[in-house]
Amino acid sequence: MAVKALLDQAKEGFVVKAPQEVQSQVFRHIQEQQESGVVFGLTEEDKAPDFTLTGPLGEQVNLYRELSKGPVILTFYRGSWCPFCNIQLRAYQQMLPDILKLGGQLIAVSLQSPDNSLSHKEKEELTFQVLSDPNGRVAESYRILYELPDYLQDAYNNFGLDLTEFNQTDRWILPLTATFIIDQEGNIRRAYVDPDFMKRMEPQKIIDQLIKIQAIHER
């Protein structure tokens, strides 16, 4: 099943289960971002900002060191508490063998602290790099960081989600859901950024772009 179909199912579940007030505040914020006129995220041909971040086991991962091995799919997600993110990460895990065959690598980044970034089950199931971006500095450099307005903070609290606890910071911040495909020279070859966190880049589009990058480097 395509990721979109799974995400649509999750959206239907959210509409059925979430309190009406929470729903209206969440959809209000999505609409406000979509209509803001702000261009979110770096775009194709921008240079990818370098970073070094920590994984759940304390390992240090540097983007440009990883790029020396091949292109990188860099995806930002909201957190392990987000069912839409979990659908995306599981789908990307399933396509990881195809990514590796094309010489690529997958790195996922959230603002959650290393201890909170993955559950024990997820640590066993996900075989790609999952990194922690404290205070959202890397997300900000990719122009996808935003601060939640008070009304949305209240909605999350009413739903039992305290982002300051998950992210171990006093700021109510999140990254937009975004995926960047970066070639070995650090150029962003494809960028997907959407204020609607219920949508994600389809895996096949990632594979198609990796094939294009591979063809360029084989010339």
C-alpha atoms as a PDB file:
ATOM      1  CA  MET A   1       0.000   0.000   0.000  1.00  0.00           C
ATOM      2  CA  ALA A   2       1.287   3.470  -0.918  1.00  0.00           C
ATOM      3  CA  VAL A   3       2.349   5.763   1.912  1.00  0.00           C
ATOM      4  CA  LYS A   4      -0.406   8.213   0.962  1.00  0.00           C
ATOM      5  CA  ALA A   5      -3.086   5.566   1.512  1.00  0.00           C
ATOM      6  CA  LEU A   6      -1.659   4.703   4.935  1.00  0.00           C
ATOM      7  CA  LEU A   7      -1.463   8.381   5.869  1.00  0.00           C
ATOM      8  CA  ASP A   8      -5.045   8.912   4.731  1.00  0.00           C
ATOM      9  CA  GLN A   9      -6.123   6.051   6.996  1.00  0.00           C
ATOM     10  CA  ALA A  10      -4.265   7.649   9.915  1.00  0.00           C
ATOM     11  CA  LYS A  11      -5.935  10.986   9.170  1.00  0.00           C
ATOM     12  CA  GLU A  12      -9.352   9.315   9.234  1.00  0.00           C
ATOM     13  CA  GLY A  13      -8.458   7.782  12.602  1.00  0.00           C
ATOM     14  CA  PHE A  14      -7.387  11.183  13.931  1.00  0.00           C
ATOM     15  CA  VAL A  15     -10.689  12.736  12.846  1.00  0.00           C
ATOM     16  CA  VAL A  16     -12.638   9.935  14.533  1.00  0.00           C
ATOM     17  CA  LYS A  17     -10.675   9.765  17.801  1.00  0.00           C
ATOM     18  CA  ALA A  18      -9.282  13.242  18.514  1.00  0.00           C
ATOM     19  CA  PRO A  19     -11.438  15.739  20.451  1.00  0.00           C
ATOM     20  CA  GLN A  20     -13.147  18.219  18.145  1.00  0.00           C
ATOM     21  CA  GLU A  21     -11.357  21.186  19.715  1.00  0.00           C
ATOM     22  CA  VAL A  22      -7.956  19.571  19.153  1.00  0.00           C
ATOM     23  CA  GLN A  23      -8.833  18.809  15.549  1.00  0.00           C
ATOM     24  CA  SER A  24      -9.949  22.343  14.766  1.00  0.00           C
ATOM     25  CA  GLN A  25      -6.804  23.860  16.292  1.00  0.00           C
ATOM     26  CA  VAL A  26      -4.518  21.448  14.416  1.00  0.00           C
ATOM     27  CA  PHE A  27      -6.217  22.046  11.064  1.00  0.00           C
ATOM     28  CA  ARG A  28      -6.339  25.788  11.768  1.00  0.00           C
ATOM     29  CA  HIS A  29      -2.569  25.893  12.172  1.00  0.00           C
ATOM     30  CA  ILE A  30      -1.954  23.872   9.014  1.00  0.00           C
ATOM     31  CA  GLN A  31      -4.154  26.277   7.067  1.00  0.00           C
ATOM     32  CA  GLU A  32      -2.459  29.336   8.569  1.00  0.00           C
ATOM     33  CA  GLN A  33       0.954  28.051   7.512  1.00  0.00           C
ATOM     34  CA  GLN A  34      -0.277  27.175   4.026  1.00  0.00           C
ATOM     35  CA  GLU A  35      -1.791  30.639   3.557  1.00  0.00           C
ATOM     36  CA  SER A  36       1.036  32.594   5.201  1.00  0.00           C
ATOM     37  CA  GLY A  37       2.912  33.238   1.965  1.00  0.00           C
ATOM     38  CA  VAL A  38       6.121  32.067   3.638  1.00  0.00           C
ATOM     39  CA  VAL A  39       8.376  29.862   1.506  1.00  0.00           C
ATOM     40  CA  PHE A  40       9.428  27.096   3.851  1.00  0.00           C
ATOM     41  CA  GLY A  41      12.558  25.030   3.450  1.00  0.00           C
ATOM     42  CA  LEU A  42      15.658  25.008   1.298  1.00  0.00           C
ATOM     43  CA  THR A  43      15.076  24.202  -2.361  1.00  0.00           C
ATOM     44  CA  GLU A  44      16.722  22.338  -5.222  1.00  0.00           C
ATOM     45  CA  GLU A  45      20.293  23.446  -5.941  1.00  0.00           C
ATOM     46  CA  ASP A  46      20.710  24.992  -2.491  1.00  0.00           C
ATOM     47  CA  LYS A  47      23.763  23.729  -0.665  1.00  0.00           C
ATOM     48  CA  ALA A  48      22.884  21.464   2.232  1.00  0.00           C
ATOM     49  CA  PRO A  49      24.138  22.895   5.552  1.00  0.00           C
ATOM     50  CA  ASP A  50      26.573  20.563   7.277  1.00  0.00           C
ATOM     51  CA  PHE A  51      25.914  19.251  10.780  1.00  0.00           C
ATOM     52  CA  THR A  52      27.021  16.740  13.357  1.00  0.00           C
ATOM     53  CA  LEU A  53      24.267  15.195  15.480  1.00  0.00           C
ATOM     54  CA  THR A  54      23.933  12.435  18.047  1.00  0.00           C
ATOM     55  CA  GLY A  55      22.117   9.125  17.615  1.00  0.00           C
ATOM     56  CA  PRO A  56      20.158   7.190  20.269  1.00  0.00           C
ATOM     57  CA  LEU A  57      23.235   5.171  21.249  1.00  0.00           C
ATOM     58  CA  GLY A  58      25.448   8.250  21.589  1.00  0.00           C
ATOM     59  CA  GLU A  59      27.124   7.951  18.190  1.00  0.00           C
ATOM     60  CA  GLN A  60      28.151  11.139  16.366  1.00  0.00           C
ATOM     61  CA  VAL A  61      27.078  11.427  12.732  1.00  0.00           C
ATOM     62  CA  ASN A  62      28.358  14.122  10.354  1.00  0.00           C
ATOM     63  CA  LEU A  63      26.397  14.839   7.180  1.00  0.00           C
ATOM     64  CA  TYR A  64      29.324  15.558   4.862  1.00  0.00           C
ATOM     65  CA  ARG A  65      31.230  12.548   6.111  1.00  0.00           C
ATOM     66  CA  GLU A  66      28.211  10.456   5.157  1.00  0.00           C
ATOM     67  CA  LEU A  67      27.979  12.220   1.790  1.00  0.00           C
ATOM     68  CA  SER A  68      31.523  11.087   1.023  1.00  0.00           C
ATOM     69  CA  LYS A  69      30.040   7.573   0.887  1.00  0.00           C
ATOM     70  CA  GLY A  70      27.127   8.488  -1.403  1.00  0.00           C
ATOM     71  CA  PRO A  71      23.942  10.557  -1.654  1.00  0.00           C
ATOM     72  CA  VAL A  72      21.879  11.065   1.493  1.00  0.00           C
ATOM     73  CA  ILE A  73      18.125  11.127   1.976  1.00  0.00           C
ATOM     74  CA  LEU A  74      17.665  13.501   4.908  1.00  0.00           C
ATOM     75  CA  THR A  75      14.192  13.446   6.411  1.00  0.00           C
ATOM     76  CA  PHE A  76      12.915  15.533   9.314  1.00  0.00           C
ATOM     77  CA  TYR A  77      10.069  14.161  11.398  1.00  0.00           C
ATOM     78  CA  ARG A  78       8.081  15.491  14.337  1.00  0.00           C
ATOM     79  CA  GLY A  79       8.730  12.734  16.867  1.00  0.00           C
ATOM     80  CA  SER A  80       8.103   9.138  17.846  1.00  0.00           C
ATOM     81  CA  TRP A  81       4.757  10.271  19.315  1.00  0.00           C
ATOM     82  CA  CYS A  82       3.471  11.177  15.827  1.00  0.00           C
ATOM     83  CA  PRO A  83       1.635   8.284  14.106  1.00  0.00           C
ATOM     84  CA  PHE A  84       2.100   9.898  10.698  1.00  0.00           C
ATOM     85  CA  CYS A  85       5.865   9.988  11.251  1.00  0.00           C
ATOM     86  CA  ASN A  86       5.890   6.343  12.297  1.00  0.00           C
ATOM     87  CA  ILE A  87       4.100   5.373   9.083  1.00  0.00           C
ATOM     88  CA  GLN A  88       6.714   7.270   7.090  1.00  0.00           C
ATOM     89  CA  LEU A  89       9.697   5.803   8.935  1.00  0.00           C
ATOM     90  CA  ARG A  90       8.407   2.244   8.572  1.00  0.00           C
ATOM     91  CA  ALA A  91       7.802   2.774   4.852  1.00  0.00           C
ATOM     92  CA  TYR A  92      11.298   4.194   4.393  1.00  0.00           C
ATOM     93  CA  GLN A  93      12.748   1.258   6.325  1.00  0.00           C
ATOM     94  CA  GLN A  94      11.057  -1.104   3.880  1.00  0.00           C
ATOM     95  CA  MET A  95      12.658   0.643   0.910  1.00  0.00           C
ATOM     96  CA  LEU A  96      16.097   0.899   2.548  1.00  0.00           C
ATOM     97  CA  PRO A  97      17.545  -2.060   0.573  1.00  0.00           C
ATOM     98  CA  ASP A  98      16.682  -0.238  -2.671  1.00  0.00           C
ATOM     99  CA  ILE A  99      18.293   2.952  -1.362  1.00  0.00           C
ATOM    100  CA  LEU A 100      21.468   1.087  -0.450  1.00  0.00           C
ATOM    101  CA  LYS A 101      21.617  -0.642  -3.858  1.00  0.00           C
ATOM    102  CA  LEU A 102      21.682   2.804  -5.450  1.00  0.00           C
ATOM    103  CA  GLY A 103      24.532   3.894  -3.178  1.00  0.00           C
ATOM    104  CA  GLY A 104      22.352   6.065  -0.974  1.00  0.00           C
ATOM    105  CA  GLN A 105      21.880   6.414   2.752  1.00  0.00           C
ATOM    106  CA  LEU A 106      18.952   7.436   4.908  1.00  0.00           C
ATOM    107  CA  ILE A 107      19.150   9.808   7.873  1.00  0.00           C
ATOM    108  CA  ALA A 108      16.108  10.797   9.946  1.00  0.00           C
ATOM    109  CA  VAL A 109      16.202  13.780  12.309  1.00  0.00           C
ATOM    110  CA  SER A 110      13.831  14.930  15.049  1.00  0.00           C
ATOM    111  CA  LEU A 111      14.039  17.445  17.877  1.00  0.00           C
ATOM    112  CA  GLN A 112      13.534  14.744  20.480  1.00  0.00           C
ATOM    113  CA  SER A 113      16.356  14.058  22.895  1.00  0.00           C
ATOM    114  CA  PRO A 114      18.430  10.939  22.089  1.00  0.00           C
ATOM    115  CA  ASP A 115      16.731   9.041  24.920  1.00  0.00           C
ATOM    116  CA  ASN A 116      13.276   9.851  23.520  1.00  0.00           C
ATOM    117  CA  SER A 117      13.999   9.670  19.790  1.00  0.00           C
ATOM    118  CA  LEU A 118      13.167   5.969  19.465  1.00  0.00           C
ATOM    119  CA  SER A 119      11.351   3.339  21.465  1.00  0.00           C
ATOM    120  CA  HIS A 120      13.168   0.078  22.226  1.00  0.00           C
ATOM    121  CA  LYS A 121      11.106  -1.623  19.520  1.00  0.00           C
ATOM    122  CA  GLU A 122      11.984   1.044  16.976  1.00  0.00           C
ATOM    123  CA  LYS A 123      15.685   0.800  17.837  1.00  0.00           C
ATOM    124  CA  GLU A 124      15.520  -2.875  16.912  1.00  0.00           C
ATOM    125  CA  GLU A 125      13.470  -2.386  13.739  1.00  0.00           C
ATOM    126  CA  LEU A 126      15.003   0.721  12.122  1.00  0.00           C
ATOM    127  CA  THR A 127      18.418   0.156  10.593  1.00  0.00           C
ATOM    128  CA  PHE A 128      19.104   3.681   9.340  1.00  0.00           C
ATOM    129  CA  GLN A 129      20.501   6.651  11.271  1.00  0.00           C
ATOM    130  CA  VAL A 130      17.984   8.371  13.572  1.00  0.00           C
ATOM    131  CA  LEU A 131      19.472  11.546  15.039  1.00  0.00           C
ATOM    132  CA  SER A 132      18.563  14.155  17.644  1.00  0.00           C
ATOM    133  CA  ASP A 133      18.596  17.874  16.820  1.00  0.00           C
ATOM    134  CA  PRO A 134      18.607  19.652  20.214  1.00  0.00           C
ATOM    135  CA  ASN A 135      16.787  23.002  20.116  1.00  0.00           C
ATOM    136  CA  GLY A 136      16.207  22.592  16.375  1.00  0.00           C
ATOM    137  CA  ARG A 137      19.415  24.241  15.198  1.00  0.00           C
ATOM    138  CA  VAL A 138      19.756  21.985  12.154  1.00  0.00           C
ATOM    139  CA  ALA A 139      16.048  22.222  11.324  1.00  0.00           C
ATOM    140  CA  GLU A 140      16.395  26.000  11.486  1.00  0.00           C
ATOM    141  CA  SER A 141      19.346  25.946   9.079  1.00  0.00           C
ATOM    142  CA  TYR A 142      17.122  24.048   6.618  1.00  0.00           C
ATOM    143  CA  ARG A 143      14.394  26.712   7.153  1.00  0.00           C
ATOM    144  CA  ILE A 144      11.769  24.323   8.471  1.00  0.00           C
ATOM    145  CA  LEU A 145      11.673  25.156  12.191  1.00  0.00           C
ATOM    146  CA  TYR A 146       8.584  26.814  13.631  1.00  0.00           C
ATOM    147  CA  GLU A 147       7.243  27.764  17.042  1.00  0.00           C
ATOM    148  CA  LEU A 148       3.800  26.524  18.007  1.00  0.00           C
ATOM    149  CA  PRO A 149       1.312  29.311  18.797  1.00  0.00           C
ATOM    150  CA  ASP A 150      -0.317  29.317  22.227  1.00  0.00           C
ATOM    151  CA  TYR A 151      -3.592  27.866  20.977  1.00  0.00           C
ATOM    152  CA  LEU A 152      -1.769  24.885  19.443  1.00  0.00           C
ATOM    153  CA  GLN A 153       0.286  24.348  22.594  1.00  0.00           C
ATOM    154  CA  ASP A 154      -2.985  24.152  24.512  1.00  0.00           C
ATOM    155  CA  ALA A 155      -4.381  21.654  22.002  1.00  0.00           C
ATOM    156  CA  TYR A 156      -1.303  19.435  22.320  1.00  0.00           C
ATOM    157  CA  ASN A 157      -1.431  19.623  26.109  1.00  0.00           C
ATOM    158  CA  ASN A 158      -5.102  18.642  26.025  1.00  0.00           C
ATOM    159  CA  PHE A 159      -4.098  15.658  23.923  1.00  0.00           C
ATOM    160  CA  GLY A 160      -1.422  14.685  26.461  1.00  0.00           C
ATOM    161  CA  LEU A 161       1.552  15.843  24.391  1.00  0.00           C
ATOM    162  CA  ASP A 162       4.058  18.058  26.183  1.00  0.00           C
ATOM    163  CA  LEU A 163       6.729  18.805  23.598  1.00  0.00           C
ATOM    164  CA  THR A 164       9.010  20.418  26.170  1.00  0.00           C
ATOM    165  CA  GLU A 165       9.213  17.028  27.877  1.00  0.00           C
ATOM    166  CA  PHE A 166       9.776  15.047  24.674  1.00  0.00           C
ATOM    167  CA  ASN A 167      12.361  17.498  23.357  1.00  0.00           C
ATOM    168  CA  GLN A 168      13.857  18.378  26.764  1.00  0.00           C
ATOM    169  CA  THR A 169      13.699  22.107  26.056  1.00  0.00           C
ATOM    170  CA  ASP A 170      11.529  24.957  27.267  1.00  0.00           C
ATOM    171  CA  ARG A 171      10.581  25.920  23.699  1.00  0.00           C
ATOM    172  CA  TRP A 172       7.480  24.670  21.918  1.00  0.00           C
ATOM    173  CA  ILE A 173       9.075  24.056  18.528  1.00  0.00           C
ATOM    174  CA  LEU A 174       8.802  21.485  15.754  1.00  0.00           C
ATOM    175  CA  PRO A 175      10.221  20.953  12.287  1.00  0.00           C
ATOM    176  CA  LEU A 176       7.943  20.896   9.304  1.00  0.00           C
ATOM    177  CA  THR A 177       7.899  17.425   7.837  1.00  0.00           C
ATOM    178  CA  ALA A 178      10.521  17.579   5.104  1.00  0.00           C
ATOM    179  CA  THR A 179      12.717  15.321   3.012  1.00  0.00           C
ATOM    180  CA  PHE A 180      15.841  16.469   1.168  1.00  0.00           C
ATOM    181  CA  ILE A 181      17.746  14.316  -1.311  1.00  0.00           C
ATOM    182  CA  ILE A 182      21.369  15.470  -1.310  1.00  0.00           C
ATOM    183  CA  ASP A 183      24.062  14.442  -3.785  1.00  0.00           C
ATOM    184  CA  GLN A 184      27.702  13.724  -2.973  1.00  0.00           C
ATOM    185  CA  GLU A 185      28.680  17.354  -3.573  1.00  0.00           C
ATOM    186  CA  GLY A 186      26.194  18.552  -0.978  1.00  0.00           C
ATOM    187  CA  ASN A 187      23.668  19.892  -3.492  1.00  0.00           C
ATOM    188  CA  ILE A 188      19.990  19.432  -2.708  1.00  0.00           C
ATOM    189  CA  ARG A 189      18.598  17.610  -5.739  1.00  0.00           C
ATOM    190  CA  ARG A 190      15.038  17.268  -4.495  1.00  0.00           C
ATOM    191  CA  ALA A 191      13.221  18.975  -1.642  1.00  0.00           C
ATOM    192  CA  TYR A 192       9.846  18.080  -0.191  1.00  0.00           C
ATOM    193  CA  VAL A 193       8.481  20.409   2.488  1.00  0.00           C
ATOM    194  CA  ASP A 194       4.826  20.528   3.505  1.00  0.00           C
ATOM    195  CA  PRO A 195       3.129  22.387   6.381  1.00  0.00           C
ATOM    196  CA  ASP A 196       0.574  19.561   6.398  1.00  0.00           C
ATOM    197  CA  PHE A 197       2.268  16.935   8.559  1.00  0.00           C
ATOM    198  CA  MET A 198      -0.265  14.358   7.360  1.00  0.00           C
ATOM    199  CA  LYS A 199       1.517  14.242   3.975  1.00  0.00           C
ATOM    200  CA  ARG A 200       4.989  12.859   3.151  1.00  0.00           C
ATOM    201  CA  MET A 201       7.223  12.184   0.158  1.00  0.00           C
ATOM    202  CA  GLU A 202       6.378   8.886  -1.499  1.00  0.00           C
ATOM    203  CA  PRO A 203       9.247   6.347  -1.400  1.00  0.00           C
ATOM    204  CA  GLN A 204       9.191   5.819  -5.171  1.00  0.00           C
ATOM    205  CA  LYS A 205      10.027   9.481  -5.748  1.00  0.00           C
ATOM    206  CA  ILE A 206      13.125   9.014  -3.612  1.00  0.00           C
ATOM    207  CA  ILE A 207      14.199   5.995  -5.650  1.00  0.00           C
ATOM    208  CA  ASP A 208      13.579   7.855  -8.923  1.00  0.00           C
ATOM    209  CA  GLN A 209      15.793  10.744  -7.789  1.00  0.00           C
ATOM    210  CA  LEU A 210      18.582   8.420  -6.660  1.00  0.00           C
ATOM    211  CA  ILE A 211      18.543   6.795 -10.096  1.00  0.00           C
ATOM    212  CA  LYS A 212      18.985  10.242 -11.664  1.00  0.00           C
ATOM    213  CA  ILE A 213      21.877  11.075  -9.328  1.00  0.00           C
ATOM    214  CA  GLN A 214      23.528   7.748 -10.092  1.00  0.00           C
ATOM    215  CA  ALA A 215      23.205   8.353 -13.842  1.00  0.00           C
ATOM    216  CA  ILE A 216      24.846  11.775 -13.533  1.00  0.00           C
ATOM    217  CA  HIS A 217      27.809  10.367 -11.612  1.00  0.00           C
ATOM    218  CA  GLU A 218      28.297   7.534 -14.089  1.00  0.00           C
ATOM    219  CA  ARG A 219      28.724   9.879 -17.059  1.00  0.00           C
END
